Amino acid sequence: HGASDGGAEDAKSDENAAAKTTAAADSGDAGGTDT
């Protein structure tokens, strides 16, 4: 679950998994921990 949902459920293609998880990364917090 979380950012890895797409990769596990659509595991027929590694590229599809990477595309979905990378899209999730684009919306992530860039510096929450440091702040």
All heavy atoms as atom14 arrays in JSON, in Angstrom:
{
  "sequence": "HGASDGGAEDAKSDENAAAKTTAAADSGDAGGTDT",
  "atom14_mask": [
    [1, 1, 1, 1, 1, 1, 1, 1, 1, 1, 0, 0, 0, 0],
    [1, 1, 1, 1, 0, 0, 0, 0, 0, 0, 0, 0, 0, 0],
    [1, 1, 1, 1, 1, 0, 0, 0, 0, 0, 0, 0, 0, 0],
    [1, 1, 1, 1, 1, 1, 0, 0, 0, 0, 0, 0, 0, 0],
    [1, 1, 1, 1, 1, 1, 1, 1, 0, 0, 0, 0, 0, 0],
    [1, 1, 1, 1, 0, 0, 0, 0, 0, 0, 0, 0, 0, 0],
    [1, 1, 1, 1, 0, 0, 0, 0, 0, 0, 0, 0, 0, 0],
    [1, 1, 1, 1, 1, 0, 0, 0, 0, 0, 0, 0, 0, 0],
    [1, 1, 1, 1, 1, 1, 1, 1, 1, 0, 0, 0, 0, 0],
    [1, 1, 1, 1, 1, 1, 1, 1, 0, 0, 0, 0, 0, 0],
    [1, 1, 1, 1, 1, 0, 0, 0, 0, 0, 0, 0, 0, 0],
    [1, 1, 1, 1, 1, 1, 1, 1, 1, 0, 0, 0, 0, 0],
    [1, 1, 1, 1, 1, 1, 0, 0, 0, 0, 0, 0, 0, 0],
    [1, 1, 1, 1, 1, 1, 1, 1, 0, 0, 0, 0, 0, 0],
    [1, 1, 1, 1, 1, 1, 1, 1, 1, 0, 0, 0, 0, 0],
    [1, 1, 1, 1, 1, 1, 1, 1, 0, 0, 0, 0, 0, 0],
    [1, 1, 1, 1, 1, 0, 0, 0, 0, 0, 0, 0, 0, 0],
    [1, 1, 1, 1, 1, 0, 0, 0, 0, 0, 0, 0, 0, 0],
    [1, 1, 1, 1, 1, 0, 0, 0, 0, 0, 0, 0, 0, 0],
    [1, 1, 1, 1, 1, 1, 1, 1, 1, 0, 0, 0, 0, 0],
    [1, 1, 1, 1, 1, 1, 1, 0, 0, 0, 0, 0, 0, 0],
    [1, 1, 1, 1, 1, 1, 1, 0, 0, 0, 0, 0, 0, 0],
    [1, 1, 1, 1, 1, 0, 0, 0, 0, 0, 0, 0, 0, 0],
    [1, 1, 1, 1, 1, 0, 0, 0, 0, 0, 0, 0, 0, 0],
    [1, 1, 1, 1, 1, 0, 0, 0, 0, 0, 0, 0, 0, 0],
    [1, 1, 1, 1, 1, 1, 1, 1, 0, 0, 0, 0, 0, 0],
    [1, 1, 1, 1, 1, 1, 0, 0, 0, 0, 0, 0, 0, 0],
    [1, 1, 1, 1, 0, 0, 0, 0, 0, 0, 0, 0, 0, 0],
    [1, 1, 1, 1, 1, 1, 1, 1, 0, 0, 0, 0, 0, 0],
    [1, 1, 1, 1, 1, 0, 0, 0, 0, 0, 0, 0, 0, 0],
    [1, 1, 1, 1, 0, 0, 0, 0, 0, 0, 0, 0, 0, 0],
    [1, 1, 1, 1, 0, 0, 0, 0, 0, 0, 0, 0, 0, 0],
    [1, 1, 1, 1, 1, 1, 1, 0, 0, 0, 0, 0, 0, 0],
    [1, 1, 1, 1, 1, 1, 1, 1, 0, 0, 0, 0, 0, 0],
    [1, 1, 1, 1, 1, 1, 1, 0, 0, 0, 0, 0, 0, 0]
  ],
  "atom14_positions": [
    [[0.83, -1.19, 0.0], [0.0, 0.0, 0.0], [0.86, 1.23, 0.0], [2.07, 1.16, -0.06], [-0.96, 0.0, 1.2], [-0.29, -0.34, 2.5], [0.38, 0.59, 3.26], [-0.15, -1.52, 3.14], [0.87, 0.01, 4.34], [0.58, -1.27, 4.29], [0.0, 0.0, 0.0], [0.0, 0.0, 0.0], [0.0, 0.0, 0.0], [0.0, 0.0, 0.0]],
    [[0.25, 2.39, 0.08], [1.0, 3.63, 0.02], [1.49, 3.87, -1.39], [0.8, 3.63, -2.38], [0.0, 0.0, 0.0], [0.0, 0.0, 0.0], [0.0, 0.0, 0.0], [0.0, 0.0, 0.0], [0.0, 0.0, 0.0], [0.0, 0.0, 0.0], [0.0, 0.0, 0.0], [0.0, 0.0, 0.0], [0.0, 0.0, 0.0], [0.0, 0.0, 0.0]],
    [[2.75, 4.36, -1.53], [3.28, 4.71, -2.84], [3.53, 3.5, -3.71], [3.75, 3.61, -4.89], [4.59, 5.48, -2.68], [0.0, 0.0, 0.0], [0.0, 0.0, 0.0], [0.0, 0.0, 0.0], [0.0, 0.0, 0.0], [0.0, 0.0, 0.0], [0.0, 0.0, 0.0], [0.0, 0.0, 0.0], [0.0, 0.0, 0.0], [0.0, 0.0, 0.0]],
    [[3.49, 2.29, -3.14], [3.85, 1.1, -3.9], [2.65, 0.34, -4.44], [2.79, -0.75, -4.96], [4.69, 0.17, -3.03], [4.03, -0.13, -1.83], [0.0, 0.0, 0.0], [0.0, 0.0, 0.0], [0.0, 0.0, 0.0], [0.0, 0.0, 0.0], [0.0, 0.0, 0.0], [0.0, 0.0, 0.0], [0.0, 0.0, 0.0], [0.0, 0.0, 0.0]],
    [[1.43, 0.86, -4.3], [0.24, 0.16, -4.74], [0.31, -0.25, -6.2], [0.05, -1.39, -6.55], [-1.01, 1.04, -4.54], [-1.57, 0.88, -3.13], [-1.19, -0.09, -2.47], [-2.37, 1.72, -2.73], [0.0, 0.0, 0.0], [0.0, 0.0, 0.0], [0.0, 0.0, 0.0], [0.0, 0.0, 0.0], [0.0, 0.0, 0.0], [0.0, 0.0, 0.0]],
    [[0.63, 0.7, -7.07], [0.59, 0.44, -8.5], [1.52, -0.69, -8.9], [1.16, -1.54, -9.7], [0.0, 0.0, 0.0], [0.0, 0.0, 0.0], [0.0, 0.0, 0.0], [0.0, 0.0, 0.0], [0.0, 0.0, 0.0], [0.0, 0.0, 0.0], [0.0, 0.0, 0.0], [0.0, 0.0, 0.0], [0.0, 0.0, 0.0], [0.0, 0.0, 0.0]],
    [[2.74, -0.71, -8.31], [3.7, -1.72, -8.7], [3.27, -3.13, -8.32], [3.51, -4.07, -9.07], [0.0, 0.0, 0.0], [0.0, 0.0, 0.0], [0.0, 0.0, 0.0], [0.0, 0.0, 0.0], [0.0, 0.0, 0.0], [0.0, 0.0, 0.0], [0.0, 0.0, 0.0], [0.0, 0.0, 0.0], [0.0, 0.0, 0.0], [0.0, 0.0, 0.0]],
    [[2.62, -3.28, -7.16], [2.25, -4.61, -6.71], [1.04, -5.14, -7.47], [0.96, -6.32, -7.79], [1.96, -4.59, -5.21], [0.0, 0.0, 0.0], [0.0, 0.0, 0.0], [0.0, 0.0, 0.0], [0.0, 0.0, 0.0], [0.0, 0.0, 0.0], [0.0, 0.0, 0.0], [0.0, 0.0, 0.0], [0.0, 0.0, 0.0], [0.0, 0.0, 0.0]],
    [[0.08, -4.29, -7.75], [-1.15, -4.73, -8.39], [-1.01, -4.87, -9.89], [-1.72, -5.62, -10.53], [-2.26, -3.73, -8.05], [-2.6, -3.73, -6.56], [-3.67, -2.72, -6.23], [-4.15, -2.05, -7.16], [-4.02, -2.61, -5.05], [0.0, 0.0, 0.0], [0.0, 0.0, 0.0], [0.0, 0.0, 0.0], [0.0, 0.0, 0.0], [0.0, 0.0, 0.0]],
    [[-0.1, -4.13, -10.49], [0.11, -4.22, -11.92], [1.54, -4.68, -12.17], [2.35, -3.99, -12.78], [-0.14, -2.87, -12.58], [-0.19, -2.99, -14.1], [-0.25, -4.11, -14.62], [-0.16, -1.95, -14.76], [0.0, 0.0, 0.0], [0.0, 0.0, 0.0], [0.0, 0.0, 0.0], [0.0, 0.0, 0.0], [0.0, 0.0, 0.0], [0.0, 0.0, 0.0]],
    [[1.88, -5.83, -11.63], [3.25, -6.31, -11.63], [3.65, -6.99, -12.92], [4.71, -7.56, -13.02], [3.45, -7.3, -10.47], [0.0, 0.0, 0.0], [0.0, 0.0, 0.0], [0.0, 0.0, 0.0], [0.0, 0.0, 0.0], [0.0, 0.0, 0.0], [0.0, 0.0, 0.0], [0.0, 0.0, 0.0], [0.0, 0.0, 0.0], [0.0, 0.0, 0.0]],
    [[2.82, -6.93, -13.95], [3.16, -7.54, -15.23], [4.34, -6.83, -15.88], [5.04, -7.4, -16.69], [1.95, -7.5, -16.17], [0.79, -8.37, -15.7], [-0.35, -8.31, -16.7], [-1.52, -9.17, -16.25], [-2.65, -9.11, -17.2], [0.0, 0.0, 0.0], [0.0, 0.0, 0.0], [0.0, 0.0, 0.0], [0.0, 0.0, 0.0], [0.0, 0.0, 0.0]],
    [[4.52, -5.55, -15.51], [5.6, -4.78, -16.15], [6.35, -3.97, -15.12], [5.77, -3.21, -14.37], [5.01, -3.85, -17.23], [5.97, -2.92, -17.64], [0.0, 0.0, 0.0], [0.0, 0.0, 0.0], [0.0, 0.0, 0.0], [0.0, 0.0, 0.0], [0.0, 0.0, 0.0], [0.0, 0.0, 0.0], [0.0, 0.0, 0.0], [0.0, 0.0, 0.0]],
    [[7.66, -4.14, -15.05], [8.47, -3.33, -14.15], [8.39, -1.86, -14.52], [8.43, -0.98, -13.66], [9.94, -3.77, -14.2], [10.12, -5.15, -13.59], [9.18, -5.62, -12.94], [11.2, -5.73, -13.78], [0.0, 0.0, 0.0], [0.0, 0.0, 0.0], [0.0, 0.0, 0.0], [0.0, 0.0, 0.0], [0.0, 0.0, 0.0], [0.0, 0.0, 0.0]],
    [[8.3, -1.58, -15.82], [8.25, -0.19, -16.25], [6.98, 0.49, -15.77], [7.0, 1.66, -15.36], [8.34, -0.11, -17.78], [9.71, -0.46, -18.34], [9.98, -1.95, -18.33], [9.05, -2.73, -18.04], [11.12, -2.32, -18.6], [0.0, 0.0, 0.0], [0.0, 0.0, 0.0], [0.0, 0.0, 0.0], [0.0, 0.0, 0.0], [0.0, 0.0, 0.0]],
    [[5.84, -0.23, -15.83], [4.59, 0.35, -15.32], [4.69, 0.64, -13.84], [4.23, 1.65, -13.35], [3.42, -0.61, -15.58], [3.04, -0.68, -17.04], [3.43, 0.2, -17.81], [2.27, -1.69, -17.42], [0.0, 0.0, 0.0], [0.0, 0.0, 0.0], [0.0, 0.0, 0.0], [0.0, 0.0, 0.0], [0.0, 0.0, 0.0], [0.0, 0.0, 0.0]],
    [[5.3, -0.28, -13.11], [5.45, -0.07, -11.67], [6.29, 1.16, -11.39], [5.97, 1.97, -10.53], [6.1, -1.3, -11.03], [0.0, 0.0, 0.0], [0.0, 0.0, 0.0], [0.0, 0.0, 0.0], [0.0, 0.0, 0.0], [0.0, 0.0, 0.0], [0.0, 0.0, 0.0], [0.0, 0.0, 0.0], [0.0, 0.0, 0.0], [0.0, 0.0, 0.0]],
    [[7.38, 1.32, -12.14], [8.25, 2.47, -11.93], [7.54, 3.76, -12.25], [7.67, 4.75, -11.55], [9.5, 2.34, -12.8], [0.0, 0.0, 0.0], [0.0, 0.0, 0.0], [0.0, 0.0, 0.0], [0.0, 0.0, 0.0], [0.0, 0.0, 0.0], [0.0, 0.0, 0.0], [0.0, 0.0, 0.0], [0.0, 0.0, 0.0], [0.0, 0.0, 0.0]],
    [[6.75, 3.78, -13.34], [6.05, 4.99, -13.73], [5.06, 5.42, -12.67], [4.94, 6.6, -12.34], [5.32, 4.77, -15.06], [0.0, 0.0, 0.0], [0.0, 0.0, 0.0], [0.0, 0.0, 0.0], [0.0, 0.0, 0.0], [0.0, 0.0, 0.0], [0.0, 0.0, 0.0], [0.0, 0.0, 0.0], [0.0, 0.0, 0.0], [0.0, 0.0, 0.0]],
    [[4.34, 4.46, -12.11], [3.33, 4.8, -11.1], [3.97, 5.28, -9.81], [3.51, 6.23, -9.19], [2.43, 3.59, -10.84], [1.57, 3.22, -12.04], [0.66, 2.05, -11.74], [-0.18, 1.69, -12.95], [-1.11, 0.57, -12.68], [0.0, 0.0, 0.0], [0.0, 0.0, 0.0], [0.0, 0.0, 0.0], [0.0, 0.0, 0.0], [0.0, 0.0, 0.0]],
    [[5.03, 4.61, -9.37], [5.66, 5.03, -8.13], [6.39, 6.35, -8.29], [6.44, 7.16, -7.37], [6.65, 3.95, -7.64], [7.51, 3.6, -8.72], [5.9, 2.72, -7.17], [0.0, 0.0, 0.0], [0.0, 0.0, 0.0], [0.0, 0.0, 0.0], [0.0, 0.0, 0.0], [0.0, 0.0, 0.0], [0.0, 0.0, 0.0], [0.0, 0.0, 0.0]],
    [[6.95, 6.61, -9.47], [7.61, 7.89, -9.71], [6.61, 9.02, -9.68], [6.9, 10.11, -9.18], [8.35, 7.87, -11.07], [9.31, 6.82, -11.05], [9.04, 9.19, -11.32], [0.0, 0.0, 0.0], [0.0, 0.0, 0.0], [0.0, 0.0, 0.0], [0.0, 0.0, 0.0], [0.0, 0.0, 0.0], [0.0, 0.0, 0.0], [0.0, 0.0, 0.0]],
    [[5.41, 8.79, -10.19], [4.37, 9.81, -10.13], [4.04, 10.15, -8.7], [3.82, 11.31, -8.35], [3.11, 9.31, -10.86], [0.0, 0.0, 0.0], [0.0, 0.0, 0.0], [0.0, 0.0, 0.0], [0.0, 0.0, 0.0], [0.0, 0.0, 0.0], [0.0, 0.0, 0.0], [0.0, 0.0, 0.0], [0.0, 0.0, 0.0], [0.0, 0.0, 0.0]],
    [[4.02, 9.13, -7.84], [3.77, 9.4, -6.43], [4.89, 10.21, -5.83], [4.69, 11.06, -4.97], [3.62, 8.07, -5.67], [0.0, 0.0, 0.0], [0.0, 0.0, 0.0], [0.0, 0.0, 0.0], [0.0, 0.0, 0.0], [0.0, 0.0, 0.0], [0.0, 0.0, 0.0], [0.0, 0.0, 0.0], [0.0, 0.0, 0.0], [0.0, 0.0, 0.0]],
    [[6.14, 9.97, -6.28], [7.29, 10.71, -5.74], [7.2, 12.18, -6.06], [7.62, 13.03, -5.27], [8.59, 10.13, -6.31], [0.0, 0.0, 0.0], [0.0, 0.0, 0.0], [0.0, 0.0, 0.0], [0.0, 0.0, 0.0], [0.0, 0.0, 0.0], [0.0, 0.0, 0.0], [0.0, 0.0, 0.0], [0.0, 0.0, 0.0], [0.0, 0.0, 0.0]],
    [[6.66, 12.54, -7.23], [6.6, 13.94, -7.64], [5.75, 14.78, -6.72], [5.92, 15.98, -6.61], [6.03, 14.05, -9.06], [7.0, 13.48, -10.09], [8.2, 13.38, -9.75], [6.55, 13.13, -11.18], [0.0, 0.0, 0.0], [0.0, 0.0, 0.0], [0.0, 0.0, 0.0], [0.0, 0.0, 0.0], [0.0, 0.0, 0.0], [0.0, 0.0, 0.0]],
    [[4.81, 14.13, -6.01], [3.93, 14.89, -5.13], [4.39, 14.84, -3.69], [3.7, 15.27, -2.78], [2.5, 14.33, -5.21], [2.48, 12.98, -4.79], [0.0, 0.0, 0.0], [0.0, 0.0, 0.0], [0.0, 0.0, 0.0], [0.0, 0.0, 0.0], [0.0, 0.0, 0.0], [0.0, 0.0, 0.0], [0.0, 0.0, 0.0], [0.0, 0.0, 0.0]],
    [[5.58, 14.28, -3.43], [6.05, 14.12, -2.06], [6.57, 15.41, -1.47], [6.76, 16.42, -2.12], [0.0, 0.0, 0.0], [0.0, 0.0, 0.0], [0.0, 0.0, 0.0], [0.0, 0.0, 0.0], [0.0, 0.0, 0.0], [0.0, 0.0, 0.0], [0.0, 0.0, 0.0], [0.0, 0.0, 0.0], [0.0, 0.0, 0.0], [0.0, 0.0, 0.0]],
    [[6.81, 15.36, -0.14], [7.32, 16.51, 0.6], [8.82, 16.58, 0.42], [9.53, 15.62, 0.66], [6.97, 16.33, 2.08], [7.47, 17.48, 2.92], [7.93, 18.48, 2.34], [7.38, 17.38, 4.15], [0.0, 0.0, 0.0], [0.0, 0.0, 0.0], [0.0, 0.0, 0.0], [0.0, 0.0, 0.0], [0.0, 0.0, 0.0], [0.0, 0.0, 0.0]],
    [[9.34, 17.72, -0.03], [10.76, 17.85, -0.33], [11.62, 18.03, 0.9], [12.8, 17.79, 0.88], [10.99, 19.02, -1.29], [0.0, 0.0, 0.0], [0.0, 0.0, 0.0], [0.0, 0.0, 0.0], [0.0, 0.0, 0.0], [0.0, 0.0, 0.0], [0.0, 0.0, 0.0], [0.0, 0.0, 0.0], [0.0, 0.0, 0.0], [0.0, 0.0, 0.0]],
    [[11.06, 18.51, 1.99], [11.94, 18.76, 3.14], [11.24, 18.73, 4.46], [11.58, 19.46, 5.39], [0.0, 0.0, 0.0], [0.0, 0.0, 0.0], [0.0, 0.0, 0.0], [0.0, 0.0, 0.0], [0.0, 0.0, 0.0], [0.0, 0.0, 0.0], [0.0, 0.0, 0.0], [0.0, 0.0, 0.0], [0.0, 0.0, 0.0], [0.0, 0.0, 0.0]],
    [[10.2, 17.87, 4.6], [9.43, 17.86, 5.84], [10.26, 17.47, 7.04], [10.12, 18.02, 8.12], [0.0, 0.0, 0.0], [0.0, 0.0, 0.0], [0.0, 0.0, 0.0], [0.0, 0.0, 0.0], [0.0, 0.0, 0.0], [0.0, 0.0, 0.0], [0.0, 0.0, 0.0], [0.0, 0.0, 0.0], [0.0, 0.0, 0.0], [0.0, 0.0, 0.0]],
    [[11.14, 16.46, 6.87], [11.92, 15.99, 8.0], [12.85, 17.07, 8.52], [12.95, 17.32, 9.71], [12.74, 14.76, 7.59], [11.84, 13.74, 7.14], [13.56, 14.24, 8.76], [0.0, 0.0, 0.0], [0.0, 0.0, 0.0], [0.0, 0.0, 0.0], [0.0, 0.0, 0.0], [0.0, 0.0, 0.0], [0.0, 0.0, 0.0], [0.0, 0.0, 0.0]],
    [[13.56, 17.74, 7.6], [14.49, 18.79, 8.02], [13.75, 19.95, 8.66], [14.19, 20.52, 9.66], [15.28, 19.3, 6.81], [16.41, 18.34, 6.47], [16.53, 17.32, 7.18], [17.14, 18.61, 5.53], [0.0, 0.0, 0.0], [0.0, 0.0, 0.0], [0.0, 0.0, 0.0], [0.0, 0.0, 0.0], [0.0, 0.0, 0.0], [0.0, 0.0, 0.0]],
    [[12.61, 20.33, 8.09], [11.85, 21.45, 8.64], [11.42, 21.16, 10.05], [11.55, 21.99, 10.96], [10.62, 21.73, 7.76], [11.06, 22.03, 6.45], [9.83, 22.9, 8.33], [0.0, 0.0, 0.0], [0.0, 0.0, 0.0], [0.0, 0.0, 0.0], [0.0, 0.0, 0.0], [0.0, 0.0, 0.0], [0.0, 0.0, 0.0], [0.0, 0.0, 0.0]]
  ]
}
